[in-house]
Amino acid sequence: MQFSFGEPVQLSALPVYEDALLSSLAFFRKQPRSVQALNCLTMYLRQSEIRVMSEIRFYAQMIDMEPHELLMLIHTQPEQAEMLLRDKLQGQLGDS
């Protein structure tokens, strides 16, 4: 099952070695390279979730939001998330 939300990701060409690794993964799994590339990116993101969500929690607390709310705000309205964070940080710097 694949859910789509947001704009498709456009990637630059991979360096030669990583390109060969991707081809090998796709070959052995009998998948198109684009599917294997998506699987690799998905796996990397899931493995990075703890690190990313720690950062999200830190900044969400600064602006009195729940972490999931900030995560989705960054995903759907990154300009608004940036403005909220910038305003909060500038306010803290001005208070010093």
PDB file of N, CA and C in Angstrom:
ATOM      1  N   MET A   1       0.852  -1.167   0.000  1.00  0.00           N
ATOM      2  CA  MET A   1       0.000   0.000   0.000  1.00  0.00           C
ATOM      3  C   MET A   1       0.904   1.238   0.000  1.00  0.00           C
ATOM      4  N   GLN A   2       0.578   2.186  -0.838  1.00  0.00           N
ATOM      5  CA  GLN A   2       1.368   3.412  -0.917  1.00  0.00           C
ATOM      6  C   GLN A   2       0.438   4.610  -0.819  1.00  0.00           C
ATOM      7  N   PHE A   3       0.733   5.498   0.137  1.00  0.00           N
ATOM      8  CA  PHE A   3      -0.033   6.719   0.313  1.00  0.00           C
ATOM      9  C   PHE A   3       0.784   7.871  -0.237  1.00  0.00           C
ATOM     10  N   SER A   4       0.149   8.763  -0.929  1.00  0.00           N
ATOM     11  CA  SER A   4       0.856   9.915  -1.482  1.00  0.00           C
ATOM     12  C   SER A   4       0.276  11.180  -0.894  1.00  0.00           C
ATOM     13  N   PHE A   5       1.187  12.100  -0.541  1.00  0.00           N
ATOM     14  CA  PHE A   5       0.777  13.385   0.002  1.00  0.00           C
ATOM     15  C   PHE A   5       1.898  14.353  -0.300  1.00  0.00           C
ATOM     16  N   GLY A   6       1.574  15.482  -0.844  1.00  0.00           N
ATOM     17  CA  GLY A   6       2.619  16.450  -1.140  1.00  0.00           C
ATOM     18  C   GLY A   6       3.194  16.281  -2.537  1.00  0.00           C
ATOM     19  N   GLU A   7       4.235  17.033  -2.772  1.00  0.00           N
ATOM     20  CA  GLU A   7       4.878  17.038  -4.088  1.00  0.00           C
ATOM     21  C   GLU A   7       5.825  15.850  -4.248  1.00  0.00           C
ATOM     22  N   PRO A   8       5.927  15.303  -5.457  1.00  0.00           N
ATOM     23  CA  PRO A   8       6.904  14.232  -5.687  1.00  0.00           C
ATOM     24  C   PRO A   8       8.327  14.758  -5.453  1.00  0.00           C
ATOM     25  N   VAL A   9       9.196  13.881  -5.007  1.00  0.00           N
ATOM     26  CA  VAL A   9      10.581  14.244  -4.755  1.00  0.00           C
ATOM     27  C   VAL A   9      11.380  14.060  -6.035  1.00  0.00           C
ATOM     28  N   GLN A  10      12.116  15.074  -6.405  1.00  0.00           N
ATOM     29  CA  GLN A  10      12.995  15.004  -7.565  1.00  0.00           C
ATOM     30  C   GLN A  10      14.428  14.952  -7.053  1.00  0.00           C
ATOM     31  N   LEU A  11      15.176  13.937  -7.448  1.00  0.00           N
ATOM     32  CA  LEU A  11      16.534  13.757  -6.961  1.00  0.00           C
ATOM     33  C   LEU A  11      17.548  13.936  -8.078  1.00  0.00           C
ATOM     34  N   SER A  12      18.714  14.410  -7.699  1.00  0.00           N
ATOM     35  CA  SER A  12      19.830  14.483  -8.645  1.00  0.00           C
ATOM     36  C   SER A  12      20.362  13.079  -8.882  1.00  0.00           C
ATOM     37  N   ALA A  13      21.174  12.960  -9.917  1.00  0.00           N
ATOM     38  CA  ALA A  13      21.796  11.661 -10.200  1.00  0.00           C
ATOM     39  C   ALA A  13      22.727  11.276  -9.057  1.00  0.00           C
ATOM     40  N   LEU A  14      22.785   9.986  -8.784  1.00  0.00           N
ATOM     41  CA  LEU A  14      23.648   9.482  -7.720  1.00  0.00           C
ATOM     42  C   LEU A  14      25.101   9.414  -8.189  1.00  0.00           C
ATOM     43  N   PRO A  15      26.040   9.476  -7.249  1.00  0.00           N
ATOM     44  CA  PRO A  15      27.431   9.194  -7.611  1.00  0.00           C
ATOM     45  C   PRO A  15      27.524   7.756  -8.142  1.00  0.00           C
ATOM     46  N   VAL A  16      28.558   7.479  -8.900  1.00  0.00           N
ATOM     47  CA  VAL A  16      28.676   6.199  -9.616  1.00  0.00           C
ATOM     48  C   VAL A  16      28.559   4.993  -8.693  1.00  0.00           C
ATOM     49  N   TYR A  17      29.270   4.993  -7.580  1.00  0.00           N
ATOM     50  CA  TYR A  17      29.258   3.828  -6.696  1.00  0.00           C
ATOM     51  C   TYR A  17      27.873   3.591  -6.111  1.00  0.00           C
ATOM     52  N   GLU A  18      27.231   4.652  -5.594  1.00  0.00           N
ATOM     53  CA  GLU A  18      25.897   4.514  -5.020  1.00  0.00           C
ATOM     54  C   GLU A  18      24.882   4.129  -6.089  1.00  0.00           C
ATOM     55  N   ASP A  19      25.076   4.620  -7.307  1.00  0.00           N
ATOM     56  CA  ASP A  19      24.205   4.263  -8.420  1.00  0.00           C
ATOM     57  C   ASP A  19      24.307   2.768  -8.709  1.00  0.00           C
ATOM     58  N   ALA A  20      25.527   2.252  -8.656  1.00  0.00           N
ATOM     59  CA  ALA A  20      25.735   0.816  -8.878  1.00  0.00           C
ATOM     60  C   ALA A  20      25.109  -0.001  -7.748  1.00  0.00           C
ATOM     61  N   LEU A  21      25.237   0.479  -6.513  1.00  0.00           N
ATOM     62  CA  LEU A  21      24.604  -0.219  -5.392  1.00  0.00           C
ATOM     63  C   LEU A  21      23.085  -0.261  -5.553  1.00  0.00           C
ATOM     64  N   LEU A  22      22.508   0.861  -5.949  1.00  0.00           N
ATOM     65  CA  LEU A  22      21.063   0.907  -6.167  1.00  0.00           C
ATOM     66  C   LEU A  22      20.654  -0.069  -7.266  1.00  0.00           C
ATOM     67  N   SER A  23      21.413  -0.092  -8.345  1.00  0.00           N
ATOM     68  CA  SER A  23      21.116  -1.038  -9.437  1.00  0.00           C
ATOM     69  C   SER A  23      21.165  -2.474  -8.949  1.00  0.00           C
ATOM     70  N   SER A  24      22.150  -2.783  -8.108  1.00  0.00           N
ATOM     71  CA  SER A  24      22.281  -4.140  -7.586  1.00  0.00           C
ATOM     72  C   SER A  24      21.106  -4.509  -6.694  1.00  0.00           C
ATOM     73  N   LEU A  25      20.715  -3.583  -5.806  1.00  0.00           N
ATOM     74  CA  LEU A  25      19.553  -3.857  -4.965  1.00  0.00           C
ATOM     75  C   LEU A  25      18.312  -4.104  -5.810  1.00  0.00           C
ATOM     76  N   ALA A  26      18.098  -3.263  -6.797  1.00  0.00           N
ATOM     77  CA  ALA A  26      16.927  -3.415  -7.671  1.00  0.00           C
ATOM     78  C   ALA A  26      16.992  -4.742  -8.436  1.00  0.00           C
ATOM     79  N   PHE A  27      18.170  -5.087  -8.898  1.00  0.00           N
ATOM     80  CA  PHE A  27      18.353  -6.334  -9.649  1.00  0.00           C
ATOM     81  C   PHE A  27      17.991  -7.547  -8.798  1.00  0.00           C
ATOM     82  N   PHE A  28      18.570  -7.626  -7.611  1.00  0.00           N
ATOM     83  CA  PHE A  28      18.349  -8.800  -6.765  1.00  0.00           C
ATOM     84  C   PHE A  28      16.939  -8.863  -6.197  1.00  0.00           C
ATOM     85  N   ARG A  29      16.275  -7.739  -6.090  1.00  0.00           N
ATOM     86  CA  ARG A  29      14.905  -7.724  -5.573  1.00  0.00           C
ATOM     87  C   ARG A  29      13.873  -7.709  -6.692  1.00  0.00           C
ATOM     88  N   LYS A  30      14.352  -7.729  -7.920  1.00  0.00           N
ATOM     89  CA  LYS A  30      13.458  -7.762  -9.095  1.00  0.00           C
ATOM     90  C   LYS A  30      12.468  -6.602  -9.061  1.00  0.00           C
ATOM     91  N   GLN A  31      13.006  -5.395  -8.788  1.00  0.00           N
ATOM     92  CA  GLN A  31      12.177  -4.202  -8.735  1.00  0.00           C
ATOM     93  C   GLN A  31      12.753  -3.147  -9.669  1.00  0.00           C
ATOM     94  N   PRO A  32      11.905  -2.248 -10.160  1.00  0.00           N
ATOM     95  CA  PRO A  32      12.427  -1.103 -10.908  1.00  0.00           C
ATOM     96  C   PRO A  32      13.327  -0.263  -9.996  1.00  0.00           C
ATOM     97  N   ARG A  33      14.330   0.365 -10.570  1.00  0.00           N
ATOM     98  CA  ARG A  33      15.250   1.202  -9.793  1.00  0.00           C
ATOM     99  C   ARG A  33      14.510   2.286  -9.018  1.00  0.00           C
ATOM    100  N   SER A  34      13.485   2.891  -9.620  1.00  0.00           N
ATOM    101  CA  SER A  34      12.756   3.961  -8.935  1.00  0.00           C
ATOM    102  C   SER A  34      12.056   3.436  -7.680  1.00  0.00           C
ATOM    103  N   VAL A  35      11.521   2.232  -7.748  1.00  0.00           N
ATOM    104  CA  VAL A  35      10.875   1.631  -6.578  1.00  0.00           C
ATOM    105  C   VAL A  35      11.926   1.337  -5.509  1.00  0.00           C
ATOM    106  N   GLN A  36      13.061   0.795  -5.926  1.00  0.00           N
ATOM    107  CA  GLN A  36      14.120   0.493  -4.964  1.00  0.00           C
ATOM    108  C   GLN A  36      14.667   1.772  -4.341  1.00  0.00           C
ATOM    109  N   ALA A  37      14.799   2.838  -5.120  1.00  0.00           N
ATOM    110  CA  ALA A  37      15.272   4.116  -4.574  1.00  0.00           C
ATOM    111  C   ALA A  37      14.286   4.637  -3.532  1.00  0.00           C
ATOM    112  N   LEU A  38      13.002   4.540  -3.802  1.00  0.00           N
ATOM    113  CA  LEU A  38      11.985   4.958  -2.834  1.00  0.00           C
ATOM    114  C   LEU A  38      12.069   4.111  -1.570  1.00  0.00           C
ATOM    115  N   ASN A  39      12.260   2.802  -1.741  1.00  0.00           N
ATOM    116  CA  ASN A  39      12.391   1.920  -0.579  1.00  0.00           C
ATOM    117  C   ASN A  39      13.612   2.299   0.263  1.00  0.00           C
ATOM    118  N   CYS A  40      14.722   2.623  -0.381  1.00  0.00           N
ATOM    119  CA  CYS A  40      15.935   3.018   0.341  1.00  0.00           C
ATOM    120  C   CYS A  40      15.712   4.315   1.113  1.00  0.00           C
ATOM    121  N   LEU A  41      15.103   5.286   0.482  1.00  0.00           N
ATOM    122  CA  LEU A  41      14.841   6.559   1.142  1.00  0.00           C
ATOM    123  C   LEU A  41      13.890   6.369   2.319  1.00  0.00           C
ATOM    124  N   THR A  42      12.866   5.571   2.127  1.00  0.00           N
ATOM    125  CA  THR A  42      11.901   5.295   3.191  1.00  0.00           C
ATOM    126  C   THR A  42      12.582   4.627   4.378  1.00  0.00           C
ATOM    127  N   MET A  43      13.432   3.652   4.103  1.00  0.00           N
ATOM    128  CA  MET A  43      14.134   2.959   5.177  1.00  0.00           C
ATOM    129  C   MET A  43      15.045   3.931   5.932  1.00  0.00           C
ATOM    130  N   TYR A  44      15.757   4.777   5.220  1.00  0.00           N
ATOM    131  CA  TYR A  44      16.639   5.749   5.859  1.00  0.00           C
ATOM    132  C   TYR A  44      15.834   6.693   6.763  1.00  0.00           C
ATOM    133  N   LEU A  45      14.710   7.179   6.265  1.00  0.00           N
ATOM    134  CA  LEU A  45      13.889   8.095   7.051  1.00  0.00           C
ATOM    135  C   LEU A  45      13.356   7.423   8.307  1.00  0.00           C
ATOM    136  N   ARG A  46      12.924   6.197   8.188  1.00  0.00           N
ATOM    137  CA  ARG A  46      12.411   5.488   9.365  1.00  0.00           C
ATOM    138  C   ARG A  46      13.521   5.236  10.383  1.00  0.00           C
ATOM    139  N   GLN A  47      14.723   4.937   9.902  1.00  0.00           N
ATOM    140  CA  GLN A  47      15.847   4.728  10.809  1.00  0.00           C
ATOM    141  C   GLN A  47      16.274   6.038  11.473  1.00  0.00           C
ATOM    142  N   SER A  48      15.997   7.160  10.842  1.00  0.00           N
ATOM    143  CA  SER A  48      16.357   8.477  11.373  1.00  0.00           C
ATOM    144  C   SER A  48      15.242   9.100  12.205  1.00  0.00           C
ATOM    145  N   GLU A  49      14.137   8.421  12.344  1.00  0.00           N
ATOM    146  CA  GLU A  49      12.962   9.004  13.003  1.00  0.00           C
ATOM    147  C   GLU A  49      13.262   9.493  14.415  1.00  0.00           C
ATOM    148  N   ILE A  50      13.997   8.735  15.195  1.00  0.00           N
ATOM    149  CA  ILE A  50      14.273   9.128  16.579  1.00  0.00           C
ATOM    150  C   ILE A  50      15.040  10.444  16.610  1.00  0.00           C
ATOM    151  N   ARG A  51      16.057  10.564  15.772  1.00  0.00           N
ATOM    152  CA  ARG A  51      16.856  11.793  15.726  1.00  0.00           C
ATOM    153  C   ARG A  51      16.022  12.971  15.254  1.00  0.00           C
ATOM    154  N   VAL A  52      15.250  12.780  14.202  1.00  0.00           N
ATOM    155  CA  VAL A  52      14.427  13.857  13.648  1.00  0.00           C
ATOM    156  C   VAL A  52      13.349  14.282  14.645  1.00  0.00           C
ATOM    157  N   MET A  53      12.693  13.308  15.252  1.00  0.00           N
ATOM    158  CA  MET A  53      11.613  13.642  16.189  1.00  0.00           C
ATOM    159  C   MET A  53      12.140  14.285  17.461  1.00  0.00           C
ATOM    160  N   SER A  54      13.376  13.992  17.851  1.00  0.00           N
ATOM    161  CA  SER A  54      13.971  14.689  18.998  1.00  0.00           C
ATOM    162  C   SER A  54      14.090  16.174  18.695  1.00  0.00           C
ATOM    163  N   GLU A  55      14.510  16.491  17.502  1.00  0.00           N
ATOM    164  CA  GLU A  55      14.621  17.892  17.085  1.00  0.00           C
ATOM    165  C   GLU A  55      13.236  18.539  17.001  1.00  0.00           C
ATOM    166  N   ILE A  56      12.281  17.814  16.446  1.00  0.00           N
ATOM    167  CA  ILE A  56      10.909  18.315  16.357  1.00  0.00           C
ATOM    168  C   ILE A  56      10.368  18.608  17.758  1.00  0.00           C
ATOM    169  N   ARG A  57      10.565  17.669  18.694  1.00  0.00           N
ATOM    170  CA  ARG A  57      10.066  17.870  20.065  1.00  0.00           C
ATOM    171  C   ARG A  57      10.698  19.104  20.708  1.00  0.00           C
ATOM    172  N   PHE A  58      11.996  19.296  20.523  1.00  0.00           N
ATOM    173  CA  PHE A  58      12.690  20.447  21.090  1.00  0.00           C
ATOM    174  C   PHE A  58      12.067  21.749  20.593  1.00  0.00           C
ATOM    175  N   TYR A  59      11.888  21.871  19.292  1.00  0.00           N
ATOM    176  CA  TYR A  59      11.349  23.111  18.736  1.00  0.00           C
ATOM    177  C   TYR A  59       9.854  23.252  18.988  1.00  0.00           C
ATOM    178  N   ALA A  60       9.119  22.141  19.008  1.00  0.00           N
ATOM    179  CA  ALA A  60       7.681  22.208  19.301  1.00  0.00           C
ATOM    180  C   ALA A  60       7.458  22.766  20.698  1.00  0.00           C
ATOM    181  N   GLN A  61       8.272  22.357  21.641  1.00  0.00           N
ATOM    182  CA  GLN A  61       8.145  22.858  23.011  1.00  0.00           C
ATOM    183  C   GLN A  61       8.384  24.368  23.051  1.00  0.00           C
ATOM    184  N   MET A  62       9.317  24.863  22.255  1.00  0.00           N
ATOM    185  CA  MET A  62       9.618  26.296  22.232  1.00  0.00           C
ATOM    186  C   MET A  62       8.424  27.129  21.803  1.00  0.00           C
ATOM    187  N   ILE A  63       7.608  26.568  20.909  1.00  0.00           N
ATOM    188  CA  ILE A  63       6.477  27.342  20.373  1.00  0.00           C
ATOM    189  C   ILE A  63       5.133  26.810  20.881  1.00  0.00           C
ATOM    190  N   ASP A  64       5.180  26.041  21.972  1.00  0.00           N
ATOM    191  CA  ASP A  64       3.964  25.531  22.621  1.00  0.00           C
ATOM    192  C   ASP A  64       3.064  24.751  21.663  1.00  0.00           C
ATOM    193  N   MET A  65       3.671  23.841  20.921  1.00  0.00           N
ATOM    194  CA  MET A  65       2.919  22.958  20.020  1.00  0.00           C
ATOM    195  C   MET A  65       3.215  21.518  20.394  1.00  0.00           C
ATOM    196  N   GLU A  66       2.324  20.646  20.014  1.00  0.00           N
ATOM    197  CA  GLU A  66       2.596  19.220  20.127  1.00  0.00           C
ATOM    198  C   GLU A  66       3.559  18.832  19.001  1.00  0.00           C
ATOM    199  N   PRO A  67       4.470  17.891  19.241  1.00  0.00           N
ATOM    200  CA  PRO A  67       5.428  17.502  18.203  1.00  0.00           C
ATOM    201  C   PRO A  67       4.771  17.099  16.880  1.00  0.00           C
ATOM    202  N   HIS A  68       3.697  16.317  16.950  1.00  0.00           N
ATOM    203  CA  HIS A  68       3.038  15.897  15.710  1.00  0.00           C
ATOM    204  C   HIS A  68       2.469  17.091  14.950  1.00  0.00           C
ATOM    205  N   GLU A  69       1.967  18.086  15.679  1.00  0.00           N
ATOM    206  CA  GLU A  69       1.439  19.291  15.023  1.00  0.00           C
ATOM    207  C   GLU A  69       2.555  20.029  14.276  1.00  0.00           C
ATOM    208  N   LEU A  70       3.720  20.168  14.922  1.00  0.00           N
ATOM    209  CA  LEU A  70       4.837  20.849  14.250  1.00  0.00           C
ATOM    210  C   LEU A  70       5.330  20.042  13.064  1.00  0.00           C
ATOM    211  N   LEU A  71       5.421  18.737  13.211  1.00  0.00           N
ATOM    212  CA  LEU A  71       5.835  17.870  12.105  1.00  0.00           C
ATOM    213  C   LEU A  71       4.944  18.087  10.888  1.00  0.00           C
ATOM    214  N   MET A  72       3.635  18.074  11.104  1.00  0.00           N
ATOM    215  CA  MET A  72       2.706  18.237   9.987  1.00  0.00           C
ATOM    216  C   MET A  72       2.690  19.672   9.459  1.00  0.00           C
ATOM    217  N   LEU A  73       2.909  20.652  10.328  1.00  0.00           N
ATOM    218  CA  LEU A  73       2.993  22.038   9.878  1.00  0.00           C
ATOM    219  C   LEU A  73       4.201  22.225   8.969  1.00  0.00           C
ATOM    220  N   ILE A  74       5.329  21.651   9.365  1.00  0.00           N
ATOM    221  CA  ILE A  74       6.536  21.725   8.522  1.00  0.00           C
ATOM    222  C   ILE A  74       6.263  21.055   7.176  1.00  0.00           C
ATOM    223  N   HIS A  75       5.544  19.957   7.206  1.00  0.00           N
ATOM    224  CA  HIS A  75       5.250  19.220   5.970  1.00  0.00           C
ATOM    225  C   HIS A  75       4.284  19.979   5.057  1.00  0.00           C
ATOM    226  N   THR A  76       3.252  20.577   5.643  1.00  0.00           N
ATOM    227  CA  THR A  76       2.206  21.188   4.821  1.00  0.00           C
ATOM    228  C   THR A  76       2.378  22.688   4.616  1.00  0.00           C
ATOM    229  N   GLN A  77       2.966  23.377   5.610  1.00  0.00           N
ATOM    230  CA  GLN A  77       3.114  24.835   5.527  1.00  0.00           C
ATOM    231  C   GLN A  77       4.484  25.242   6.096  1.00  0.00           C
ATOM    232  N   PRO A  78       5.559  24.877   5.422  1.00  0.00           N
ATOM    233  CA  PRO A  78       6.893  25.147   5.969  1.00  0.00           C
ATOM    234  C   PRO A  78       7.168  26.625   6.217  1.00  0.00           C
ATOM    235  N   GLU A  79       6.582  27.506   5.419  1.00  0.00           N
ATOM    236  CA  GLU A  79       6.804  28.941   5.618  1.00  0.00           C
ATOM    237  C   GLU A  79       6.238  29.398   6.958  1.00  0.00           C
ATOM    238  N   GLN A  80       5.053  28.892   7.311  1.00  0.00           N
ATOM    239  CA  GLN A  80       4.443  29.255   8.584  1.00  0.00           C
ATOM    240  C   GLN A  80       5.260  28.690   9.752  1.00  0.00           C
ATOM    241  N   ALA A  81       5.738  27.477   9.620  1.00  0.00           N
ATOM    242  CA  ALA A  81       6.565  26.883  10.677  1.00  0.00           C
ATOM    243  C   ALA A  81       7.832  27.702  10.868  1.00  0.00           C
ATOM    244  N   GLU A  82       8.461  28.101   9.780  1.00  0.00           N
ATOM    245  CA  GLU A  82       9.674  28.911   9.859  1.00  0.00           C
ATOM    246  C   GLU A  82       9.388  30.252  10.531  1.00  0.00           C
ATOM    247  N   MET A  83       8.275  30.861  10.186  1.00  0.00           N
ATOM    248  CA  MET A  83       7.913  32.144  10.781  1.00  0.00           C
ATOM    249  C   MET A  83       7.696  32.007  12.291  1.00  0.00           C
ATOM    250  N   LEU A  84       6.967  30.975  12.711  1.00  0.00           N
ATOM    251  CA  LEU A  84       6.736  30.758  14.138  1.00  0.00           C
ATOM    252  C   LEU A  84       8.043  30.570  14.902  1.00  0.00           C
ATOM    253  N   LEU A  85       8.922  29.753  14.354  1.00  0.00           N
ATOM    254  CA  LEU A  85      10.200  29.499  15.016  1.00  0.00           C
ATOM    255  C   LEU A  85      11.088  30.743  15.016  1.00  0.00           C
ATOM    256  N   ARG A  86      11.134  31.434  13.902  1.00  0.00           N
ATOM    257  CA  ARG A  86      11.951  32.649  13.810  1.00  0.00           C
ATOM    258  C   ARG A  86      11.461  33.703  14.805  1.00  0.00           C
ATOM    259  N   ASP A  87      10.139  33.900  14.872  1.00  0.00           N
ATOM    260  CA  ASP A  87       9.576  34.878  15.799  1.00  0.00           C
ATOM    261  C   ASP A  87       9.895  34.525  17.245  1.00  0.00           C
ATOM    262  N   LYS A  88       9.804  33.240  17.573  1.00  0.00           N
ATOM    263  CA  LYS A  88      10.080  32.801  18.935  1.00  0.00           C
ATOM    264  C   LYS A  88      11.550  32.995  19.269  1.00  0.00           C
ATOM    265  N   LEU A  89      12.424  32.603  18.356  1.00  0.00           N
ATOM    266  CA  LEU A  89      13.866  32.739  18.612  1.00  0.00           C
ATOM    267  C   LEU A  89      14.290  34.203  18.690  1.00  0.00           C
ATOM    268  N   GLN A  90      13.746  35.032  17.817  1.00  0.00           N
ATOM    269  CA  GLN A  90      14.085  36.455  17.866  1.00  0.00           C
ATOM    270  C   GLN A  90      13.558  37.087  19.150  1.00  0.00           C
ATOM    271  N   GLY A  91      12.383  36.654  19.604  1.00  0.00           N
ATOM    272  CA  GLY A  91      11.837  37.156  20.852  1.00  0.00           C
ATOM    273  C   GLY A  91      12.711  36.772  22.028  1.00  0.00           C
ATOM    274  N   GLN A  92      13.233  35.565  22.012  1.00  0.00           N
ATOM    275  CA  GLN A  92      14.114  35.127  23.104  1.00  0.00           C
ATOM    276  C   GLN A  92      15.431  35.891  23.086  1.00  0.00           C
ATOM    277  N   LEU A  93      15.957  36.153  21.899  1.00  0.00           N
ATOM    278  CA  LEU A  93      17.202  36.898  21.797  1.00  0.00           C
ATOM    279  C   LEU A  93      17.004  38.348  22.258  1.00  0.00           C
ATOM    280  N   GLY A  94      15.834  38.892  21.965  1.00  0.00           N
ATOM    281  CA  GLY A  94      15.526  40.266  22.380  1.00  0.00           C
ATOM    282  C   GLY A  94      15.315  40.385  23.884  1.00  0.00           C
ATOM    283  N   ASP A  95      14.867  39.273  24.508  1.00  0.00           N
ATOM    284  CA  ASP A  95      14.635  39.265  25.963  1.00  0.00           C
ATOM    285  C   ASP A  95      15.930  39.196  26.746  1.00  0.00           C
ATOM    286  N   SER A  96      17.012  38.779  26.114  1.00  0.00           N
ATOM    287  CA  SER A  96      18.291  38.583  26.839  1.00  0.00           C
ATOM    288  C   SER A  96      18.933  39.878  27.234  1.00  0.00           C
TER     289      SER A  96
END
